[in-house]
Amino acid sequence: MENQQDILRNKDSVTLSAWIYPKSMTGHDIISISANDLEVANTSRAGLRVDADGRLMVLARTVDKQEPKLYTFTKLPKITQLNTWHHIACVIDYSRNQVRFYYNGKEVERDQTPIMFEPNKTPDSPSPLIAIGSEDDGKAAFFNGKITKVLVKPTIYPASAIHRLFLDRPKTE
């Protein structure tokens, strides 16, 4: 994605959403928006991943350097069914230290990882790398399958809006 460097510049929240059709389950990045860290090019300011065990995972930070990092996961459900469409979404609220996950239009419980963003807003620097289906720098964690109807919005989508995204199913082949 070119010319989107300001998408998470000086923001207090972001909603990430996509329809995915996994062909294998090995830990895939779905949406990755990098921090402005020239030393480590694949550190995410915001990212949504399906982990190797099928849980949804968020990567997030409000500083450009490597630390602090936040990784948080869903407890259940685990995406284990291959070759079918799944809708996944997360809302990262940096200002309120919250992460919410959605699977097929419904909010799902996350692990109990403490969330503390310091500061409570992303930096006033660009995100030089944005990727769909891989790590920020496009070198690893490639998604094996299809991705469609990707949404990246620097705002909080309420549960009702996430449900509407779920209702907008991809066309089957």
N, C-alpha and C. Protein backbone atom coordinates (compact mmCIF):
# COMPACT_ATOMS: atom_id res chain seq x y z
N MET A 1 0.86 -1.18 0.00
CA MET A 1 0.00 0.00 0.00
C MET A 1 0.90 1.22 0.00
N GLU A 2 0.81 2.00 -1.03
CA GLU A 2 1.65 3.18 -1.15
C GLU A 2 0.92 4.43 -0.66
N ASN A 3 1.72 5.42 -0.28
CA ASN A 3 1.21 6.76 0.06
C ASN A 3 0.20 6.75 1.20
N GLN A 4 0.36 5.87 2.15
CA GLN A 4 -0.54 5.80 3.30
C GLN A 4 0.23 6.02 4.60
N GLN A 5 1.34 6.74 4.54
CA GLN A 5 2.22 6.87 5.70
C GLN A 5 1.57 7.56 6.90
N ASP A 6 0.55 8.34 6.68
CA ASP A 6 -0.07 9.09 7.78
C ASP A 6 -1.25 8.35 8.41
N ILE A 7 -1.53 7.14 7.97
CA ILE A 7 -2.75 6.46 8.43
C ILE A 7 -2.77 6.26 9.95
N LEU A 8 -1.64 6.02 10.56
CA LEU A 8 -1.58 5.92 12.03
C LEU A 8 -0.60 6.93 12.62
N ARG A 9 -0.63 8.12 12.08
CA ARG A 9 0.22 9.20 12.58
C ARG A 9 -0.60 10.06 13.54
N ASN A 10 -0.16 10.07 14.81
CA ASN A 10 -0.80 10.91 15.82
C ASN A 10 -2.27 10.53 16.03
N LYS A 11 -2.54 9.22 16.17
CA LYS A 11 -3.91 8.71 16.33
C LYS A 11 -4.06 8.04 17.69
N ASP A 12 -5.29 8.06 18.23
CA ASP A 12 -5.53 7.42 19.52
C ASP A 12 -6.29 6.10 19.39
N SER A 13 -6.60 5.66 18.13
CA SER A 13 -7.29 4.38 17.95
C SER A 13 -7.17 3.93 16.50
N VAL A 14 -7.46 2.64 16.29
CA VAL A 14 -7.51 2.09 14.94
C VAL A 14 -8.40 0.85 14.95
N THR A 15 -9.12 0.66 13.85
CA THR A 15 -9.90 -0.56 13.64
C THR A 15 -9.31 -1.27 12.43
N LEU A 16 -9.03 -2.57 12.60
CA LEU A 16 -8.51 -3.41 11.53
C LEU A 16 -9.50 -4.54 11.29
N SER A 17 -9.81 -4.80 10.03
CA SER A 17 -10.81 -5.82 9.72
C SER A 17 -10.50 -6.44 8.36
N ALA A 18 -10.81 -7.73 8.20
CA ALA A 18 -10.63 -8.39 6.91
C ALA A 18 -11.41 -9.70 6.87
N TRP A 19 -11.75 -10.11 5.69
CA TRP A 19 -12.23 -11.46 5.44
C TRP A 19 -11.03 -12.28 5.00
N ILE A 20 -10.85 -13.46 5.62
CA ILE A 20 -9.71 -14.31 5.25
C ILE A 20 -10.20 -15.71 4.89
N TYR A 21 -9.45 -16.35 4.01
CA TYR A 21 -9.73 -17.70 3.53
C TYR A 21 -8.41 -18.46 3.63
N PRO A 22 -8.08 -19.00 4.82
CA PRO A 22 -6.77 -19.65 5.00
C PRO A 22 -6.71 -21.01 4.33
N LYS A 23 -5.57 -21.28 3.68
CA LYS A 23 -5.31 -22.60 3.09
C LYS A 23 -4.39 -23.43 3.96
N SER A 24 -3.72 -22.77 4.91
CA SER A 24 -2.90 -23.46 5.91
C SER A 24 -2.84 -22.57 7.15
N MET A 25 -2.40 -23.12 8.26
CA MET A 25 -2.36 -22.38 9.52
C MET A 25 -0.94 -22.45 10.08
N THR A 26 -0.15 -21.42 9.80
CA THR A 26 1.23 -21.42 10.27
C THR A 26 1.64 -20.12 10.93
N GLY A 27 0.70 -19.27 11.27
CA GLY A 27 1.02 -17.98 11.87
C GLY A 27 1.18 -16.93 10.79
N HIS A 28 0.09 -16.27 10.42
CA HIS A 28 0.09 -15.35 9.29
C HIS A 28 -0.24 -13.94 9.73
N ASP A 29 0.48 -12.97 9.17
CA ASP A 29 0.09 -11.58 9.35
C ASP A 29 -0.99 -11.25 8.32
N ILE A 30 -2.04 -10.60 8.77
CA ILE A 30 -3.13 -10.21 7.88
C ILE A 30 -2.98 -8.74 7.52
N ILE A 31 -2.83 -7.88 8.53
CA ILE A 31 -2.64 -6.44 8.31
C ILE A 31 -1.48 -6.00 9.20
N SER A 32 -0.52 -5.27 8.62
CA SER A 32 0.63 -4.79 9.38
C SER A 32 0.91 -3.34 9.02
N ILE A 33 0.97 -2.49 10.03
CA ILE A 33 1.30 -1.08 9.85
C ILE A 33 2.50 -0.80 10.73
N SER A 34 3.61 -0.42 10.13
CA SER A 34 4.87 -0.34 10.86
C SER A 34 4.98 0.91 11.71
N ALA A 35 5.88 0.81 12.68
CA ALA A 35 6.34 1.99 13.40
C ALA A 35 7.45 2.62 12.56
N ASN A 36 7.86 3.81 12.91
CA ASN A 36 8.93 4.50 12.17
C ASN A 36 10.25 4.20 12.87
N ASP A 37 10.74 2.98 12.70
CA ASP A 37 11.95 2.51 13.36
C ASP A 37 12.89 1.98 12.28
N LEU A 38 13.89 2.78 11.91
CA LEU A 38 14.80 2.38 10.85
C LEU A 38 15.67 1.20 11.23
N GLU A 39 15.90 0.99 12.53
CA GLU A 39 16.74 -0.11 12.97
C GLU A 39 16.04 -1.45 12.84
N VAL A 40 14.75 -1.50 13.13
CA VAL A 40 13.97 -2.73 13.03
C VAL A 40 12.75 -2.43 12.18
N ALA A 41 12.82 -2.81 10.92
CA ALA A 41 11.80 -2.39 9.95
C ALA A 41 10.46 -3.10 10.13
N ASN A 42 10.41 -4.21 10.85
CA ASN A 42 9.14 -4.95 10.94
C ASN A 42 8.49 -4.85 12.31
N THR A 43 8.69 -3.75 13.02
CA THR A 43 8.00 -3.54 14.29
C THR A 43 6.67 -2.85 14.00
N SER A 44 5.60 -3.40 14.51
CA SER A 44 4.27 -2.91 14.15
C SER A 44 3.77 -1.83 15.09
N ARG A 45 3.24 -0.77 14.51
CA ARG A 45 2.46 0.21 15.26
C ARG A 45 1.07 -0.38 15.51
N ALA A 46 0.59 -1.15 14.53
CA ALA A 46 -0.65 -1.90 14.68
C ALA A 46 -0.61 -3.07 13.72
N GLY A 47 -1.03 -4.24 14.20
CA GLY A 47 -1.07 -5.41 13.34
C GLY A 47 -2.09 -6.42 13.82
N LEU A 48 -2.66 -7.13 12.87
CA LEU A 48 -3.62 -8.20 13.16
C LEU A 48 -3.09 -9.46 12.51
N ARG A 49 -2.99 -10.53 13.29
CA ARG A 49 -2.39 -11.79 12.84
C ARG A 49 -3.27 -12.96 13.28
N VAL A 50 -3.21 -14.03 12.50
CA VAL A 50 -3.75 -15.31 12.94
C VAL A 50 -2.54 -16.13 13.35
N ASP A 51 -2.44 -16.46 14.64
CA ASP A 51 -1.28 -17.17 15.15
C ASP A 51 -1.30 -18.62 14.69
N ALA A 52 -0.20 -19.32 14.88
CA ALA A 52 -0.06 -20.71 14.41
C ALA A 52 -1.10 -21.63 15.03
N ASP A 53 -1.59 -21.29 16.24
CA ASP A 53 -2.61 -22.14 16.87
C ASP A 53 -4.03 -21.70 16.51
N GLY A 54 -4.17 -20.70 15.64
CA GLY A 54 -5.48 -20.28 15.17
C GLY A 54 -6.11 -19.15 15.95
N ARG A 55 -5.46 -18.67 17.01
CA ARG A 55 -6.00 -17.53 17.75
C ARG A 55 -5.68 -16.23 17.02
N LEU A 56 -6.54 -15.24 17.19
CA LEU A 56 -6.24 -13.91 16.66
C LEU A 56 -5.23 -13.24 17.59
N MET A 57 -4.38 -12.42 17.01
CA MET A 57 -3.32 -11.76 17.77
C MET A 57 -3.22 -10.31 17.31
N VAL A 58 -3.03 -9.40 18.26
CA VAL A 58 -2.78 -7.99 17.96
C VAL A 58 -1.36 -7.66 18.38
N LEU A 59 -0.69 -6.91 17.53
CA LEU A 59 0.61 -6.33 17.84
C LEU A 59 0.40 -4.82 17.82
N ALA A 60 0.84 -4.12 18.85
CA ALA A 60 0.59 -2.68 18.89
C ALA A 60 1.64 -1.97 19.74
N ARG A 61 1.85 -0.70 19.42
CA ARG A 61 2.76 0.15 20.21
C ARG A 61 2.46 1.61 19.92
N THR A 62 2.85 2.47 20.84
CA THR A 62 2.69 3.91 20.64
C THR A 62 4.02 4.63 20.71
N VAL A 63 5.10 3.89 20.55
CA VAL A 63 6.43 4.49 20.42
C VAL A 63 7.06 3.88 19.18
N ASP A 64 8.02 4.58 18.60
CA ASP A 64 8.63 4.09 17.37
C ASP A 64 9.70 3.03 17.60
N LYS A 65 10.31 3.02 18.72
CA LYS A 65 11.37 2.05 18.97
C LYS A 65 10.77 0.71 19.40
N GLN A 66 11.61 -0.30 19.49
CA GLN A 66 11.18 -1.68 19.75
C GLN A 66 10.36 -1.83 21.02
N GLU A 67 10.75 -1.21 22.11
CA GLU A 67 10.03 -1.36 23.37
C GLU A 67 9.18 -0.12 23.63
N PRO A 68 8.06 -0.19 24.28
CA PRO A 68 7.41 -1.43 24.68
C PRO A 68 6.59 -2.04 23.55
N LYS A 69 6.39 -3.33 23.59
CA LYS A 69 5.56 -4.02 22.63
C LYS A 69 4.33 -4.53 23.36
N LEU A 70 3.28 -4.70 22.62
CA LEU A 70 2.10 -5.33 23.18
C LEU A 70 1.66 -6.42 22.24
N TYR A 71 1.59 -7.62 22.76
CA TYR A 71 0.99 -8.74 22.04
C TYR A 71 -0.17 -9.23 22.89
N THR A 72 -1.32 -9.35 22.33
CA THR A 72 -2.45 -9.92 23.05
C THR A 72 -3.21 -10.83 22.10
N PHE A 73 -3.83 -11.87 22.66
CA PHE A 73 -4.45 -12.92 21.87
C PHE A 73 -5.91 -13.11 22.29
N THR A 74 -6.68 -13.72 21.40
CA THR A 74 -8.00 -14.20 21.80
C THR A 74 -7.83 -15.49 22.57
N LYS A 75 -8.78 -15.79 23.46
CA LYS A 75 -8.80 -17.10 24.12
C LYS A 75 -9.40 -18.12 23.16
N LEU A 76 -10.61 -17.87 22.73
CA LEU A 76 -11.32 -18.71 21.76
C LEU A 76 -12.15 -17.77 20.91
N PRO A 77 -12.64 -18.09 19.79
CA PRO A 77 -12.44 -19.37 19.12
C PRO A 77 -11.09 -19.39 18.43
N LYS A 78 -10.69 -20.57 18.05
CA LYS A 78 -9.49 -20.73 17.26
C LYS A 78 -9.91 -21.04 15.83
N ILE A 79 -9.29 -20.34 14.91
CA ILE A 79 -9.59 -20.58 13.50
C ILE A 79 -8.82 -21.83 13.09
N THR A 80 -9.54 -22.91 12.95
CA THR A 80 -8.90 -24.17 12.55
C THR A 80 -9.46 -24.69 11.23
N GLN A 81 -10.60 -24.17 10.82
CA GLN A 81 -11.21 -24.64 9.58
C GLN A 81 -10.56 -23.93 8.40
N LEU A 82 -9.94 -24.73 7.54
CA LEU A 82 -9.28 -24.19 6.36
C LEU A 82 -10.26 -24.15 5.19
N ASN A 83 -9.87 -23.41 4.16
CA ASN A 83 -10.62 -23.34 2.90
C ASN A 83 -12.07 -22.90 3.08
N THR A 84 -12.26 -21.96 3.99
CA THR A 84 -13.57 -21.34 4.19
C THR A 84 -13.33 -19.89 4.63
N TRP A 85 -14.30 -19.02 4.42
CA TRP A 85 -14.17 -17.61 4.77
C TRP A 85 -14.44 -17.39 6.26
N HIS A 86 -13.61 -16.53 6.87
CA HIS A 86 -13.75 -16.10 8.26
C HIS A 86 -13.61 -14.58 8.28
N HIS A 87 -14.45 -13.91 9.07
CA HIS A 87 -14.29 -12.47 9.24
C HIS A 87 -13.58 -12.22 10.56
N ILE A 88 -12.49 -11.44 10.51
CA ILE A 88 -11.75 -11.11 11.73
C ILE A 88 -11.60 -9.60 11.84
N ALA A 89 -11.57 -9.12 13.07
CA ALA A 89 -11.42 -7.67 13.30
C ALA A 89 -10.87 -7.43 14.68
N CYS A 90 -10.24 -6.27 14.83
CA CYS A 90 -9.82 -5.82 16.16
C CYS A 90 -9.94 -4.31 16.21
N VAL A 91 -10.15 -3.82 17.41
CA VAL A 91 -10.17 -2.39 17.67
C VAL A 91 -9.10 -2.14 18.73
N ILE A 92 -8.14 -1.31 18.38
CA ILE A 92 -7.08 -0.92 19.32
C ILE A 92 -7.37 0.51 19.75
N ASP A 93 -7.61 0.68 21.04
CA ASP A 93 -7.89 2.00 21.60
C ASP A 93 -6.69 2.38 22.47
N TYR A 94 -5.74 3.08 21.86
CA TYR A 94 -4.53 3.47 22.56
C TYR A 94 -4.84 4.39 23.73
N SER A 95 -5.84 5.25 23.58
CA SER A 95 -6.14 6.24 24.61
C SER A 95 -6.75 5.63 25.86
N ARG A 96 -7.42 4.48 25.71
CA ARG A 96 -8.06 3.82 26.87
C ARG A 96 -7.39 2.51 27.25
N ASN A 97 -6.25 2.20 26.63
CA ASN A 97 -5.52 0.96 26.93
C ASN A 97 -6.41 -0.27 26.76
N GLN A 98 -7.06 -0.34 25.60
CA GLN A 98 -7.98 -1.45 25.33
C GLN A 98 -7.72 -2.06 23.96
N VAL A 99 -7.94 -3.37 23.87
CA VAL A 99 -7.97 -4.09 22.60
C VAL A 99 -9.20 -4.99 22.64
N ARG A 100 -10.01 -4.90 21.57
CA ARG A 100 -11.18 -5.78 21.45
C ARG A 100 -11.05 -6.57 20.16
N PHE A 101 -11.41 -7.85 20.24
CA PHE A 101 -11.36 -8.76 19.08
C PHE A 101 -12.77 -9.14 18.66
N TYR A 102 -12.93 -9.38 17.36
CA TYR A 102 -14.21 -9.84 16.80
C TYR A 102 -13.93 -10.98 15.83
N TYR A 103 -14.78 -11.99 15.91
CA TYR A 103 -14.70 -13.13 15.00
C TYR A 103 -16.09 -13.40 14.46
N ASN A 104 -16.22 -13.38 13.15
CA ASN A 104 -17.50 -13.57 12.47
C ASN A 104 -18.61 -12.70 13.07
N GLY A 105 -18.26 -11.42 13.28
CA GLY A 105 -19.24 -10.42 13.67
C GLY A 105 -19.52 -10.31 15.16
N LYS A 106 -18.90 -11.14 15.98
CA LYS A 106 -19.16 -11.12 17.42
C LYS A 106 -17.87 -10.88 18.19
N GLU A 107 -17.98 -10.08 19.26
CA GLU A 107 -16.81 -9.85 20.10
C GLU A 107 -16.43 -11.15 20.81
N VAL A 108 -15.13 -11.42 20.89
CA VAL A 108 -14.63 -12.61 21.56
C VAL A 108 -13.65 -12.20 22.65
N GLU A 109 -13.54 -13.05 23.65
CA GLU A 109 -12.69 -12.76 24.81
C GLU A 109 -11.22 -12.85 24.45
N ARG A 110 -10.45 -11.96 25.04
CA ARG A 110 -9.00 -11.99 24.83
C ARG A 110 -8.31 -12.50 26.09
N ASP A 111 -7.02 -12.78 25.94
CA ASP A 111 -6.25 -13.19 27.11
C ASP A 111 -6.16 -12.04 28.11
N GLN A 112 -5.55 -12.26 29.21
CA GLN A 112 -5.51 -11.24 30.27
C GLN A 112 -4.22 -10.43 30.27
N THR A 113 -3.55 -10.35 29.14
CA THR A 113 -2.34 -9.54 29.04
C THR A 113 -2.66 -8.11 29.45
N PRO A 114 -1.94 -7.57 30.43
CA PRO A 114 -2.19 -6.17 30.80
C PRO A 114 -1.84 -5.25 29.62
N ILE A 115 -2.66 -4.25 29.40
CA ILE A 115 -2.44 -3.32 28.30
C ILE A 115 -2.16 -1.96 28.87
N MET A 116 -1.01 -1.41 28.50
CA MET A 116 -0.65 -0.07 28.93
C MET A 116 0.13 0.60 27.81
N PHE A 117 -0.51 1.54 27.13
CA PHE A 117 0.16 2.30 26.09
C PHE A 117 0.67 3.59 26.69
N GLU A 118 1.95 3.83 26.57
CA GLU A 118 2.56 5.07 27.04
C GLU A 118 3.37 5.64 25.90
N PRO A 119 3.01 6.73 25.32
CA PRO A 119 1.84 7.56 25.58
C PRO A 119 0.58 6.92 25.02
N ASN A 120 -0.53 7.59 25.15
CA ASN A 120 -1.83 7.05 24.73
C ASN A 120 -2.23 7.49 23.32
N LYS A 121 -1.24 7.71 22.47
CA LYS A 121 -1.47 8.11 21.09
C LYS A 121 -0.24 7.70 20.29
N THR A 122 -0.44 7.37 19.03
CA THR A 122 0.71 7.02 18.19
C THR A 122 1.57 8.25 17.93
N PRO A 123 2.83 8.05 17.60
CA PRO A 123 3.73 9.20 17.42
C PRO A 123 3.36 10.06 16.21
N ASP A 124 3.89 11.26 16.22
CA ASP A 124 3.72 12.17 15.09
C ASP A 124 4.83 11.92 14.07
N SER A 125 4.91 10.68 13.63
CA SER A 125 5.87 10.27 12.62
C SER A 125 5.16 9.32 11.67
N PRO A 126 5.61 9.22 10.43
CA PRO A 126 4.91 8.36 9.46
C PRO A 126 5.11 6.88 9.74
N SER A 127 4.21 6.07 9.19
CA SER A 127 4.37 4.61 9.17
C SER A 127 4.86 4.26 7.77
N PRO A 128 6.17 4.05 7.61
CA PRO A 128 6.71 3.91 6.25
C PRO A 128 6.33 2.62 5.55
N LEU A 129 5.91 1.60 6.29
CA LEU A 129 5.59 0.31 5.68
C LEU A 129 4.20 -0.15 6.10
N ILE A 130 3.38 -0.51 5.13
CA ILE A 130 2.06 -1.06 5.39
C ILE A 130 1.91 -2.27 4.49
N ALA A 131 1.46 -3.39 5.05
CA ALA A 131 1.36 -4.61 4.25
C ALA A 131 0.06 -5.34 4.55
N ILE A 132 -0.44 -6.02 3.54
CA ILE A 132 -1.58 -6.93 3.67
C ILE A 132 -1.05 -8.33 3.36
N GLY A 133 -1.17 -9.24 4.31
CA GLY A 133 -0.77 -10.63 4.09
C GLY A 133 0.69 -10.94 4.35
N SER A 134 1.41 -10.05 5.06
CA SER A 134 2.80 -10.33 5.44
C SER A 134 3.18 -9.38 6.57
N GLU A 135 4.40 -9.58 7.10
CA GLU A 135 4.94 -8.62 8.05
C GLU A 135 5.06 -7.26 7.38
N ASP A 136 5.28 -6.23 8.18
CA ASP A 136 5.36 -4.86 7.68
C ASP A 136 6.34 -4.71 6.53
N ASP A 137 7.49 -5.38 6.63
CA ASP A 137 8.53 -5.22 5.61
C ASP A 137 8.37 -6.19 4.45
N GLY A 138 7.33 -7.01 4.45
CA GLY A 138 7.06 -7.91 3.34
C GLY A 138 8.04 -9.06 3.21
N LYS A 139 8.75 -9.42 4.29
CA LYS A 139 9.78 -10.45 4.21
C LYS A 139 9.41 -11.76 4.89
N ALA A 140 8.33 -11.81 5.66
CA ALA A 140 8.00 -13.03 6.41
C ALA A 140 6.52 -13.04 6.78
N ALA A 141 6.10 -14.13 7.42
CA ALA A 141 4.73 -14.32 7.93
C ALA A 141 3.70 -14.15 6.83
N PHE A 142 3.98 -14.75 5.67
CA PHE A 142 3.08 -14.63 4.53
C PHE A 142 1.81 -15.44 4.73
N PHE A 143 0.68 -14.84 4.41
CA PHE A 143 -0.61 -15.49 4.50
C PHE A 143 -0.79 -16.41 3.30
N ASN A 144 -1.15 -17.66 3.56
CA ASN A 144 -1.40 -18.63 2.49
C ASN A 144 -2.91 -18.78 2.34
N GLY A 145 -3.47 -18.03 1.41
CA GLY A 145 -4.91 -18.06 1.19
C GLY A 145 -5.35 -16.78 0.53
N LYS A 146 -6.59 -16.40 0.78
CA LYS A 146 -7.17 -15.19 0.20
C LYS A 146 -7.52 -14.20 1.31
N ILE A 147 -7.39 -12.92 0.99
CA ILE A 147 -7.78 -11.83 1.88
C ILE A 147 -8.60 -10.85 1.05
N THR A 148 -9.73 -10.42 1.58
CA THR A 148 -10.53 -9.44 0.87
C THR A 148 -11.23 -8.52 1.87
N LYS A 149 -11.78 -7.44 1.34
CA LYS A 149 -12.55 -6.47 2.13
C LYS A 149 -11.78 -6.00 3.37
N VAL A 150 -10.54 -5.59 3.14
CA VAL A 150 -9.67 -5.12 4.21
C VAL A 150 -10.07 -3.70 4.60
N LEU A 151 -10.13 -3.47 5.91
CA LEU A 151 -10.45 -2.15 6.44
C LEU A 151 -9.38 -1.74 7.43
N VAL A 152 -8.83 -0.56 7.25
CA VAL A 152 -7.91 0.06 8.21
C VAL A 152 -8.40 1.48 8.39
N LYS A 153 -8.96 1.75 9.56
CA LYS A 153 -9.52 3.08 9.83
C LYS A 153 -8.99 3.57 11.18
N PRO A 154 -8.45 4.79 11.22
CA PRO A 154 -7.96 5.33 12.49
C PRO A 154 -9.09 5.89 13.34
N THR A 155 -10.00 4.99 13.69
CA THR A 155 -11.14 5.35 14.53
C THR A 155 -11.66 4.08 15.20
N ILE A 156 -12.53 4.23 16.16
CA ILE A 156 -13.11 3.08 16.85
C ILE A 156 -14.42 2.70 16.17
N TYR A 157 -14.49 1.49 15.67
CA TYR A 157 -15.74 0.95 15.15
C TYR A 157 -16.47 0.26 16.29
N PRO A 158 -17.73 0.62 16.55
CA PRO A 158 -18.49 -0.08 17.59
C PRO A 158 -18.86 -1.49 17.12
N ALA A 159 -19.31 -2.30 18.07
CA ALA A 159 -19.67 -3.69 17.77
C ALA A 159 -20.70 -3.78 16.64
N SER A 160 -21.65 -2.86 16.60
CA SER A 160 -22.68 -2.90 15.56
C SER A 160 -22.07 -2.68 14.16
N ALA A 161 -21.08 -1.82 14.06
CA ALA A 161 -20.42 -1.59 12.77
C ALA A 161 -19.58 -2.79 12.36
N ILE A 162 -18.93 -3.43 13.32
CA ILE A 162 -18.16 -4.65 13.02
C ILE A 162 -19.12 -5.73 12.53
N HIS A 163 -20.28 -5.84 13.15
CA HIS A 163 -21.26 -6.83 12.72
C HIS A 163 -21.72 -6.56 11.28
N ARG A 164 -21.89 -5.30 10.93
CA ARG A 164 -22.27 -4.96 9.56
C ARG A 164 -21.17 -5.36 8.56
N LEU A 165 -19.91 -5.21 8.95
CA LEU A 165 -18.80 -5.66 8.09
C LEU A 165 -18.88 -7.18 7.88
N PHE A 166 -19.24 -7.90 8.93
CA PHE A 166 -19.41 -9.35 8.83
C PHE A 166 -20.54 -9.71 7.87
N LEU A 167 -21.62 -8.96 7.92
CA LEU A 167 -22.77 -9.25 7.05
C LEU A 167 -22.45 -9.02 5.57
N ASP A 168 -21.42 -8.23 5.29
CA ASP A 168 -21.00 -7.97 3.91
C ASP A 168 -20.02 -9.06 3.47
N ARG A 169 -20.55 -10.25 3.28
CA ARG A 169 -19.75 -11.45 2.98
C ARG A 169 -19.10 -11.35 1.59
N PRO A 170 -17.93 -11.98 1.45
CA PRO A 170 -17.32 -12.03 0.12
C PRO A 170 -18.12 -12.94 -0.81
N LYS A 171 -18.02 -12.66 -2.08
CA LYS A 171 -18.69 -13.50 -3.06
C LYS A 171 -17.92 -14.82 -3.17
N THR A 172 -18.65 -15.92 -3.21
CA THR A 172 -18.00 -17.22 -3.33
C THR A 172 -17.74 -17.52 -4.80
N GLU A 173 -16.74 -18.32 -5.03
CA GLU A 173 -16.36 -18.66 -6.41
C GLU A 173 -17.08 -19.91 -6.88
